[in-house]
Amino acid sequence: MKAVTTDKPRTKSKTKSREKLAQPWKVVVYDDPVNLMEYVTRVFQKVFGYSREKAEMLMRQVHDAKRSVVWTGNREKAELYVQQLHGFQLHAGLEKDE
């Protein structure tokens, strides 16, 4: 009689689950008619530690394209950034990076 093992499928399943959890997430900031461009630039500098040049470039994307991906990484940190941006009254959200 041949022994049946299920080690490989379990490993494969666990690996897929870990990969799903570790997938990068995007922090997206959307344009709004309330916040001034200078204010948005300063918030990006404060929250993300970006240089003025990078913060201005991202602010321009938000203004021109009505949205910008301002950060990509793990979900936990992305959620923290979104909370911080909300604290500064910016319209922000999370998206899966596919």
Protein backbone atom coordinates (compact mmCIF):
# COMPACT_ATOMS: atom_id res chain seq x y z
CA MET A 1 0.00 0.00 0.00
CA LYS A 2 1.30 3.42 -0.92
CA ALA A 3 1.34 6.14 1.74
CA VAL A 4 -0.47 9.34 0.83
CA THR A 5 1.16 12.58 1.88
CA THR A 6 -0.32 16.03 1.70
CA ASP A 7 2.78 18.02 2.57
CA LYS A 8 3.22 19.60 -0.85
CA PRO A 9 -0.31 20.97 -1.26
CA ARG A 10 -0.27 22.40 2.26
CA THR A 11 3.06 24.08 1.65
CA LYS A 12 1.84 25.44 -1.65
CA SER A 13 -1.34 26.73 -0.02
CA LYS A 14 0.57 28.35 2.86
CA THR A 15 2.97 29.96 0.41
CA LYS A 16 0.12 31.37 -1.63
CA SER A 17 -1.53 32.76 1.51
CA ARG A 18 1.71 34.42 2.63
CA GLU A 19 2.22 35.88 -0.84
CA LYS A 20 -1.30 37.30 -0.78
CA LEU A 21 -0.73 38.93 2.61
CA ALA A 22 2.65 40.28 1.55
CA GLN A 23 1.38 41.79 -1.70
CA PRO A 24 2.14 45.47 -1.93
CA TRP A 25 -0.60 47.99 -1.33
CA LYS A 26 -0.84 51.47 -2.80
CA VAL A 27 -1.68 54.60 -0.86
CA VAL A 28 -3.67 56.82 -3.22
CA VAL A 29 -4.44 60.48 -2.64
CA TYR A 30 -7.36 62.01 -4.53
CA ASP A 31 -7.82 65.61 -5.57
CA ASP A 32 -10.22 67.75 -3.59
CA PRO A 33 -11.37 71.36 -3.96
CA VAL A 34 -10.59 72.26 -0.34
CA ASN A 35 -6.86 71.83 0.33
CA LEU A 36 -4.31 74.18 -1.16
CA MET A 37 -1.47 72.72 -3.19
CA GLU A 38 1.16 74.07 -0.79
CA TYR A 39 -0.63 72.40 2.12
CA VAL A 40 -0.74 69.02 0.33
CA THR A 41 2.99 69.33 -0.42
CA ARG A 42 3.77 69.97 3.25
CA VAL A 43 1.62 67.03 4.36
CA PHE A 44 3.50 64.69 2.00
CA GLN A 45 6.79 65.94 3.42
CA LYS A 46 5.63 65.48 6.99
CA VAL A 47 3.91 62.07 6.64
CA PHE A 48 6.33 60.37 4.24
CA GLY A 49 9.50 62.35 4.83
CA TYR A 50 9.71 63.20 1.13
CA SER A 51 11.92 65.96 -0.20
CA ARG A 52 10.16 69.13 -1.27
CA GLU A 53 10.76 68.22 -4.93
CA LYS A 54 9.19 64.77 -4.63
CA ALA A 55 6.29 66.08 -2.55
CA GLU A 56 5.59 68.79 -5.14
CA MET A 57 5.74 66.28 -7.99
CA LEU A 58 3.20 64.02 -6.24
CA MET A 59 0.98 66.99 -5.38
CA ARG A 60 1.05 67.98 -9.07
CA GLN A 61 -0.05 64.46 -10.04
CA VAL A 62 -2.93 64.67 -7.56
CA HIS A 63 -3.95 68.04 -8.98
CA ASP A 64 -3.56 67.21 -12.69
CA ALA A 65 -4.64 63.54 -12.80
CA LYS A 66 -7.11 63.87 -9.89
CA ARG A 67 -5.21 61.12 -8.02
CA SER A 68 -1.70 59.89 -7.33
CA VAL A 69 -0.09 56.80 -5.85
CA VAL A 70 2.04 58.37 -3.14
CA TRP A 71 3.44 55.24 -1.49
CA THR A 72 3.57 51.46 -2.05
CA GLY A 73 4.36 48.77 0.50
CA ASN A 74 2.90 46.41 3.09
CA ARG A 75 -0.73 46.74 4.10
CA GLU A 76 -0.20 47.56 7.76
CA LYS A 77 2.03 50.56 7.03
CA ALA A 78 -0.22 51.62 4.14
CA GLU A 79 -3.22 51.69 6.50
CA LEU A 80 -1.25 53.81 8.95
CA TYR A 81 -0.35 56.30 6.21
CA VAL A 82 -3.98 56.53 5.08
CA GLN A 83 -5.04 57.26 8.69
CA GLN A 84 -2.40 59.96 8.96
CA LEU A 85 -3.48 61.54 5.68
CA HIS A 86 -7.09 61.51 6.85
CA GLY A 87 -5.91 63.27 10.02
CA PHE A 88 -4.65 66.06 7.76
CA GLN A 89 -8.05 66.13 5.99
CA LEU A 90 -6.74 64.65 2.72
CA HIS A 91 -8.92 62.29 0.69
CA ALA A 92 -6.86 59.06 0.58
CA GLY A 93 -7.40 55.35 0.22
CA LEU A 94 -5.81 51.93 -0.27
CA GLU A 95 -5.61 49.83 -3.40
CA LYS A 96 -4.01 46.44 -4.00
CA ASP A 97 -0.92 46.70 -6.15
CA GLU A 98 -1.55 44.19 -8.92
